[in-house]
């Protein structure tokens, strides 16, 4: 349990460090991830619409 908590804290610290030191690239990375999630959701919606059409 302790190892999981330590790894989580290290991960959060690395993300915060990246956001603070590289705000532009960090924002671009978040936009890309959100774009991928949007495309995935649209693909699932299209699939379900075609199944029930």
PDB file of N, CA and C in Angstrom:
ATOM      1  N   UNK A   1       0.829  -1.196   0.000  1.00  0.00           N
ATOM      2  CA  UNK A   1       0.000   0.000   0.000  1.00  0.00           C
ATOM      3  C   UNK A   1       0.873   1.259   0.000  1.00  0.00           C
ATOM      4  N   UNK A   2       1.964   1.227   0.759  1.00  0.00           N
ATOM      5  CA  UNK A   2       2.831   2.394   0.817  1.00  0.00           C
ATOM      6  C   UNK A   2       3.502   2.667  -0.520  1.00  0.00           C
ATOM      7  N   UNK A   3       3.917   1.610  -1.208  1.00  0.00           N
ATOM      8  CA  UNK A   3       4.585   1.791  -2.500  1.00  0.00           C
ATOM      9  C   UNK A   3       3.637   2.446  -3.502  1.00  0.00           C
ATOM     10  N   UNK A   4       2.389   2.043  -3.492  1.00  0.00           N
ATOM     11  CA  UNK A   4       1.411   2.619  -4.404  1.00  0.00           C
ATOM     12  C   UNK A   4       1.230   4.117  -4.114  1.00  0.00           C
ATOM     13  N   UNK A   5       1.178   4.465  -2.855  1.00  0.00           N
ATOM     14  CA  UNK A   5       1.003   5.858  -2.465  1.00  0.00           C
ATOM     15  C   UNK A   5       2.229   6.687  -2.864  1.00  0.00           C
ATOM     16  N   UNK A   6       3.415   6.139  -2.663  1.00  0.00           N
ATOM     17  CA  UNK A   6       4.641   6.848  -3.025  1.00  0.00           C
ATOM     18  C   UNK A   6       4.705   7.055  -4.534  1.00  0.00           C
ATOM     19  N   UNK A   7       4.399   6.012  -5.308  1.00  0.00           N
ATOM     20  CA  UNK A   7       4.405   6.129  -6.760  1.00  0.00           C
ATOM     21  C   UNK A   7       3.394   7.167  -7.236  1.00  0.00           C
ATOM     22  N   UNK A   8       2.245   7.213  -6.607  1.00  0.00           N
ATOM     23  CA  UNK A   8       1.223   8.189  -6.963  1.00  0.00           C
ATOM     24  C   UNK A   8       1.723   9.606  -6.683  1.00  0.00           C
ATOM     25  N   UNK A   9       2.340   9.821  -5.540  1.00  0.00           N
ATOM     26  CA  UNK A   9       2.866  11.139  -5.196  1.00  0.00           C
ATOM     27  C   UNK A   9       3.993  11.548  -6.144  1.00  0.00           C
ATOM     28  N   UNK A  10       4.857  10.608  -6.513  1.00  0.00           N
ATOM     29  CA  UNK A  10       5.936  10.901  -7.455  1.00  0.00           C
ATOM     30  C   UNK A  10       5.347  11.273  -8.811  1.00  0.00           C
ATOM     31  N   UNK A  11       4.324  10.543  -9.249  1.00  0.00           N
ATOM     32  CA  UNK A  11       3.669  10.846 -10.520  1.00  0.00           C
ATOM     33  C   UNK A  11       3.052  12.234 -10.518  1.00  0.00           C
ATOM     34  N   UNK A  12       2.358  12.572  -9.466  1.00  0.00           N
ATOM     35  CA  UNK A  12       1.736  13.898  -9.356  1.00  0.00           C
ATOM     36  C   UNK A  12       2.812  14.985  -9.334  1.00  0.00           C
ATOM     37  N   UNK A  13       3.907  14.737  -8.612  1.00  0.00           N
ATOM     38  CA  UNK A  13       4.990  15.716  -8.553  1.00  0.00           C
ATOM     39  C   UNK A  13       5.608  15.924  -9.941  1.00  0.00           C
ATOM     40  N   UNK A  14       5.805  14.851 -10.697  1.00  0.00           N
ATOM     41  CA  UNK A  14       6.362  14.983 -12.042  1.00  0.00           C
ATOM     42  C   UNK A  14       5.429  15.758 -12.968  1.00  0.00           C
ATOM     43  N   UNK A  15       4.149  15.496 -12.873  1.00  0.00           N
ATOM     44  CA  UNK A  15       3.180  16.222 -13.703  1.00  0.00           C
ATOM     45  C   UNK A  15       3.184  17.701 -13.335  1.00  0.00           C
ATOM     46  N   UNK A  16       3.177  18.008 -12.050  1.00  0.00           N
ATOM     47  CA  UNK A  16       3.216  19.415 -11.622  1.00  0.00           C
ATOM     48  C   UNK A  16       4.502  20.092 -12.077  1.00  0.00           C
ATOM     49  N   UNK A  17       5.630  19.402 -11.976  1.00  0.00           N
ATOM     50  CA  UNK A  17       6.900  19.962 -12.424  1.00  0.00           C
ATOM     51  C   UNK A  17       6.841  20.276 -13.911  1.00  0.00           C
ATOM     52  N   UNK A  18       6.290  19.355 -14.697  1.00  0.00           N
ATOM     53  CA  UNK A  18       6.181  19.552 -16.147  1.00  0.00           C
ATOM     54  C   UNK A  18       5.276  20.740 -16.457  1.00  0.00           C
ATOM     55  N   UNK A  19       4.159  20.831 -15.770  1.00  0.00           N
ATOM     56  CA  UNK A  19       3.210  21.929 -16.017  1.00  0.00           C
ATOM     57  C   UNK A  19       3.827  23.277 -15.641  1.00  0.00           C
ATOM     58  N   UNK A  20       4.575  23.304 -14.556  1.00  0.00           N
ATOM     59  CA  UNK A  20       5.165  24.564 -14.102  1.00  0.00           C
ATOM     60  C   UNK A  20       6.335  24.984 -14.996  1.00  0.00           C
ATOM     61  N   UNK A  21       7.158  24.020 -15.404  1.00  0.00           N
ATOM     62  CA  UNK A  21       8.341  24.376 -16.183  1.00  0.00           C
ATOM     63  C   UNK A  21       8.071  24.490 -17.680  1.00  0.00           C
ATOM     64  N   UNK A  22       7.056  23.807 -18.179  1.00  0.00           N
ATOM     65  CA  UNK A  22       6.742  23.794 -19.609  1.00  0.00           C
ATOM     66  C   UNK A  22       5.233  23.996 -19.813  1.00  0.00           C
ATOM     67  N   UNK A  23       4.679  25.145 -19.471  1.00  0.00           N
ATOM     68  CA  UNK A  23       3.222  25.312 -19.546  1.00  0.00           C
ATOM     69  C   UNK A  23       2.662  25.202 -20.961  1.00  0.00           C
ATOM     70  N   UNK A  24       3.384  25.715 -21.961  1.00  0.00           N
ATOM     71  CA  UNK A  24       2.892  25.641 -23.341  1.00  0.00           C
ATOM     72  C   UNK A  24       2.779  24.206 -23.843  1.00  0.00           C
ATOM     73  N   UNK A  25       3.882  23.445 -23.798  1.00  0.00           N
ATOM     74  CA  UNK A  25       3.799  22.042 -24.229  1.00  0.00           C
ATOM     75  C   UNK A  25       2.835  21.206 -23.379  1.00  0.00           C
ATOM     76  N   UNK A  26       2.723  21.522 -22.087  1.00  0.00           N
ATOM     77  CA  UNK A  26       1.795  20.789 -21.225  1.00  0.00           C
ATOM     78  C   UNK A  26       0.357  21.032 -21.670  1.00  0.00           C
ATOM     79  N   UNK A  27       0.037  22.275 -22.017  1.00  0.00           N
ATOM     80  CA  UNK A  27      -1.309  22.597 -22.490  1.00  0.00           C
ATOM     81  C   UNK A  27      -1.586  21.894 -23.819  1.00  0.00           C
ATOM     82  N   UNK A  28      -0.590  21.864 -24.693  1.00  0.00           N
ATOM     83  CA  UNK A  28      -0.750  21.171 -25.978  1.00  0.00           C
ATOM     84  C   UNK A  28      -0.990  19.677 -25.763  1.00  0.00           C
ATOM     85  N   UNK A  29      -0.267  19.081 -24.818  1.00  0.00           N
ATOM     86  CA  UNK A  29      -0.446  17.657 -24.533  1.00  0.00           C
ATOM     87  C   UNK A  29      -1.860  17.380 -24.023  1.00  0.00           C
ATOM     88  N   UNK A  30      -2.363  18.253 -23.160  1.00  0.00           N
ATOM     89  CA  UNK A  30      -3.723  18.076 -22.639  1.00  0.00           C
ATOM     90  C   UNK A  30      -4.734  18.215 -23.770  1.00  0.00           C
ATOM     91  N   UNK A  31      -4.541  19.176 -24.659  1.00  0.00           N
ATOM     92  CA  UNK A  31      -5.455  19.342 -25.790  1.00  0.00           C
ATOM     93  C   UNK A  31      -5.439  18.103 -26.691  1.00  0.00           C
ATOM     94  N   UNK A  32      -4.267  17.523 -26.917  1.00  0.00           N
ATOM     95  CA  UNK A  32      -4.183  16.319 -27.741  1.00  0.00           C
ATOM     96  C   UNK A  32      -4.896  15.143 -27.085  1.00  0.00           C
ATOM     97  N   UNK A  33      -4.699  14.981 -25.787  1.00  0.00           N
ATOM     98  CA  UNK A  33      -5.360  13.889 -25.071  1.00  0.00           C
ATOM     99  C   UNK A  33      -6.874  14.062 -25.126  1.00  0.00           C
ATOM    100  N   UNK A  34      -7.352  15.287 -24.908  1.00  0.00           N
ATOM    101  CA  UNK A  34      -8.793  15.543 -24.978  1.00  0.00           C
ATOM    102  C   UNK A  34      -9.326  15.299 -26.387  1.00  0.00           C
ATOM    103  N   UNK A  35      -8.527  15.623 -27.396  1.00  0.00           N
ATOM    104  CA  UNK A  35      -8.923  15.357 -28.775  1.00  0.00           C
ATOM    105  C   UNK A  35      -9.065  13.867 -29.035  1.00  0.00           C
ATOM    106  N   UNK A  36      -8.109  13.079 -28.517  1.00  0.00           N
ATOM    107  CA  UNK A  36      -8.192  11.620 -28.686  1.00  0.00           C
ATOM    108  C   UNK A  36      -9.433  11.071 -27.987  1.00  0.00           C
ATOM    109  N   UNK A  37      -9.710  11.565 -26.785  1.00  0.00           N
ATOM    110  CA  UNK A  37     -10.890  11.103 -26.056  1.00  0.00           C
ATOM    111  C   UNK A  37     -12.169  11.468 -26.812  1.00  0.00           C
ATOM    112  N   UNK A  38     -12.193  12.669 -27.391  1.00  0.00           N
ATOM    113  CA  UNK A  38     -13.359  13.101 -28.160  1.00  0.00           C
ATOM    114  C   UNK A  38     -13.560  12.206 -29.374  1.00  0.00           C
ATOM    115  N   UNK A  39     -12.475  11.931 -30.092  1.00  0.00           N
ATOM    116  CA  UNK A  39     -12.571  11.068 -31.271  1.00  0.00           C
ATOM    117  C   UNK A  39     -13.046   9.671 -30.891  1.00  0.00           C
ATOM    118  N   UNK A  40     -12.554   9.162 -29.781  1.00  0.00           N
ATOM    119  CA  UNK A  40     -12.991   7.851 -29.316  1.00  0.00           C
ATOM    120  C   UNK A  40     -14.469   7.836 -28.971  1.00  0.00           C
ATOM    121  N   UNK A  41     -14.928   8.872 -28.291  1.00  0.00           N
ATOM    122  CA  UNK A  41     -16.347   8.955 -27.930  1.00  0.00           C
ATOM    123  C   UNK A  41     -17.213   9.069 -29.182  1.00  0.00           C
ATOM    124  N   UNK A  42     -16.764   9.857 -30.154  1.00  0.00           N
ATOM    125  CA  UNK A  42     -17.531   9.989 -31.394  1.00  0.00           C
ATOM    126  C   UNK A  42     -17.582   8.663 -32.145  1.00  0.00           C
ATOM    127  N   UNK A  43     -16.493   7.909 -32.134  1.00  0.00           N
ATOM    128  CA  UNK A  43     -16.474   6.607 -32.802  1.00  0.00           C
ATOM    129  C   UNK A  43     -17.448   5.642 -32.134  1.00  0.00           C
ATOM    130  N   UNK A  44     -17.497   5.662 -30.814  1.00  0.00           N
ATOM    131  CA  UNK A  44     -18.427   4.781 -30.091  1.00  0.00           C
ATOM    132  C   UNK A  44     -19.863   5.179 -30.384  1.00  0.00           C
ATOM    133  N   UNK A  45     -20.144   6.476 -30.394  1.00  0.00           N
ATOM    134  CA  UNK A  45     -21.494   6.956 -30.695  1.00  0.00           C
ATOM    135  C   UNK A  45     -21.907   6.538 -32.103  1.00  0.00           C
ATOM    136  N   UNK A  46     -21.008   6.695 -33.065  1.00  0.00           N
ATOM    137  CA  UNK A  46     -21.300   6.293 -34.443  1.00  0.00           C
ATOM    138  C   UNK A  46     -21.580   4.800 -34.521  1.00  0.00           C
ATOM    139  N   UNK A  47     -20.780   4.010 -33.827  1.00  0.00           N
ATOM    140  CA  UNK A  47     -20.977   2.564 -33.807  1.00  0.00           C
ATOM    141  C   UNK A  47     -22.354   2.202 -33.251  1.00  0.00           C
ATOM    142  N   UNK A  48     -22.700   2.788 -32.123  1.00  0.00           N
ATOM    143  CA  UNK A  48     -23.994   2.470 -31.499  1.00  0.00           C
ATOM    144  C   UNK A  48     -25.138   2.932 -32.387  1.00  0.00           C
ATOM    145  N   UNK A  49     -25.023   4.091 -33.013  1.00  0.00           N
ATOM    146  CA  UNK A  49     -26.067   4.564 -33.923  1.00  0.00           C
ATOM    147  C   UNK A  49     -26.228   3.609 -35.094  1.00  0.00           C
ATOM    148  N   UNK A  50     -25.124   3.094 -35.628  1.00  0.00           N
ATOM    149  CA  UNK A  50     -25.209   2.162 -36.758  1.00  0.00           C
ATOM    150  C   UNK A  50     -25.765   0.810 -36.345  1.00  0.00           C
ATOM    151  N   UNK A  51     -25.514   0.404 -35.132  1.00  0.00           N
ATOM    152  CA  UNK A  51     -26.055  -0.866 -34.646  1.00  0.00           C
ATOM    153  C   UNK A  51     -27.576  -0.784 -34.547  1.00  0.00           C
ATOM    154  N   UNK A  52     -28.089   0.320 -34.064  1.00  0.00           N
ATOM    155  CA  UNK A  52     -29.517   0.453 -33.821  1.00  0.00           C
ATOM    156  C   UNK A  52     -30.258   1.180 -34.964  1.00  0.00           C
ATOM    157  N   UNK A  53     -29.581   1.462 -36.051  1.00  0.00           N
ATOM    158  CA  UNK A  53     -30.227   2.153 -37.162  1.00  0.00           C
ATOM    159  C   UNK A  53     -30.943   1.172 -38.077  1.00  0.00           C
TER     160      UNK A  53
END
